[in-house]
Amino acid sequence: MSYITADLIEYEVFETLTESVGQYTGLKDKNGKRIFEEDIAKVNISGKTVIREIKFEYGSYGIDGLHPASFIPFCNILSDCIEIVGNRWDNPELLEVE
């Protein structure tokens, strides 16, 4: 972290991994938290709670499905069934559960 001073205004500069910057989906989870691509969500699907990653596939945001070949677009999920619990960069261990 470093500081830059310009025109008597001090700015704080942070180094960022560009691959860790996710696109905002335009949606919020059940707690009002904004949902970004590569966030990790706890999702209730058909009475079963699963932990899945938010992805952009087939021109739509959604979650990884219940098996590797499936993808569930947000239009098929109610936002009150989604709770963001982390992201793939800060909490990769959440994706290893199950």
Protein backbone atom coordinates (compact mmCIF):
# COMPACT_ATOMS: atom_id res chain seq x y z
CA MET A 1 0.00 0.00 0.00
CA SER A 2 1.30 3.45 -0.82
CA TYR A 3 0.08 7.01 -0.73
CA ILE A 4 -0.02 9.56 -3.54
CA THR A 5 -0.54 13.27 -2.93
CA ALA A 6 -1.90 15.41 -5.77
CA ASP A 7 -3.39 18.89 -5.51
CA LEU A 8 -3.34 18.67 -1.71
CA ILE A 9 -5.48 15.51 -1.77
CA GLU A 10 -3.97 12.30 -0.49
CA TYR A 11 -4.96 9.07 -2.26
CA GLU A 12 -4.42 5.57 -0.97
CA VAL A 13 -3.24 3.11 -3.63
CA PHE A 14 -3.82 -0.65 -3.38
CA GLU A 15 -2.37 -3.37 -5.56
CA THR A 16 -5.16 -5.52 -7.03
CA LEU A 17 -5.08 -8.86 -8.78
CA THR A 18 -7.06 -8.14 -11.93
CA GLU A 19 -8.36 -11.71 -12.10
CA SER A 20 -9.94 -11.26 -8.65
CA VAL A 21 -12.22 -8.41 -9.77
CA GLY A 22 -15.70 -9.80 -10.41
CA GLN A 23 -18.51 -8.33 -12.47
CA TYR A 24 -21.59 -7.16 -10.53
CA THR A 25 -24.62 -9.22 -11.59
CA GLY A 26 -27.16 -6.50 -10.84
CA LEU A 27 -28.80 -8.70 -8.22
CA LYS A 28 -28.76 -8.88 -4.43
CA ASP A 29 -28.94 -11.87 -2.12
CA LYS A 30 -31.55 -12.44 0.60
CA ASN A 31 -29.62 -10.10 2.95
CA GLY A 32 -29.38 -7.26 0.42
CA LYS A 33 -25.69 -7.96 -0.34
CA ARG A 34 -24.68 -7.35 -3.97
CA ILE A 35 -23.89 -10.54 -5.93
CA PHE A 36 -20.71 -10.60 -8.04
CA GLU A 37 -19.33 -13.14 -10.48
CA GLU A 38 -17.06 -15.61 -8.62
CA ASP A 39 -18.86 -15.05 -5.31
CA ILE A 40 -19.63 -18.18 -3.34
CA ALA A 41 -23.28 -18.60 -2.43
CA LYS A 42 -25.27 -20.82 -0.12
CA VAL A 43 -28.32 -21.74 -2.20
CA ASN A 44 -31.49 -23.60 -1.30
CA ILE A 45 -32.48 -25.72 -4.31
CA SER A 46 -35.45 -28.07 -4.03
CA GLY A 47 -35.14 -28.21 -0.24
CA LYS A 48 -31.40 -28.96 -0.33
CA THR A 49 -28.82 -26.35 0.72
CA VAL A 50 -25.66 -26.34 -1.38
CA ILE A 51 -22.55 -24.13 -1.68
CA ARG A 52 -21.90 -23.02 -5.28
CA GLU A 53 -19.95 -20.41 -7.23
CA ILE A 54 -21.62 -17.58 -9.16
CA LYS A 55 -20.68 -17.84 -12.86
CA PHE A 56 -21.43 -16.19 -16.19
CA GLU A 57 -22.23 -18.84 -18.80
CA TYR A 58 -24.48 -19.05 -21.85
CA GLY A 59 -25.07 -15.27 -21.71
CA SER A 60 -26.49 -15.38 -18.19
CA TYR A 61 -25.41 -15.21 -14.56
CA GLY A 62 -26.21 -18.22 -12.44
CA ILE A 63 -24.72 -20.91 -10.24
CA ASP A 64 -22.87 -24.12 -10.87
CA GLY A 65 -25.44 -26.88 -10.83
CA LEU A 66 -25.79 -29.93 -8.66
CA HIS A 67 -23.51 -31.92 -10.95
CA PRO A 68 -20.52 -30.79 -13.06
CA ALA A 69 -22.35 -30.52 -16.40
CA SER A 70 -25.22 -28.34 -15.18
CA PHE A 71 -25.67 -24.59 -14.83
CA ILE A 72 -28.69 -22.93 -13.23
CA PRO A 73 -29.42 -19.37 -14.47
CA PHE A 74 -30.64 -16.81 -11.92
CA CYS A 75 -33.99 -16.56 -13.71
CA ASN A 76 -34.69 -20.06 -12.31
CA ILE A 77 -33.74 -19.16 -8.71
CA LEU A 78 -35.49 -16.80 -6.30
CA SER A 79 -33.04 -14.28 -4.82
CA ASP A 80 -34.36 -15.00 -1.32
CA CYS A 81 -32.87 -18.50 -1.73
CA ILE A 82 -29.33 -17.12 -2.26
CA GLU A 83 -26.93 -16.03 0.50
CA ILE A 84 -23.40 -14.86 -0.35
CA VAL A 85 -20.88 -16.46 2.04
CA GLY A 86 -17.59 -15.48 0.40
CA ASN A 87 -15.72 -15.46 -2.90
CA ARG A 88 -13.34 -17.80 -4.71
CA TRP A 89 -10.28 -15.59 -3.98
CA ASP A 90 -10.67 -15.01 -0.25
CA ASN A 91 -12.52 -18.23 0.67
CA PRO A 92 -11.48 -21.03 -1.75
CA GLU A 93 -11.95 -23.59 1.03
CA LEU A 94 -15.72 -23.06 0.80
CA LEU A 95 -15.73 -24.65 -2.66
CA GLU A 96 -14.04 -27.78 -1.33
CA VAL A 97 -16.95 -28.56 1.04
CA GLU A 98 -19.36 -31.40 0.20
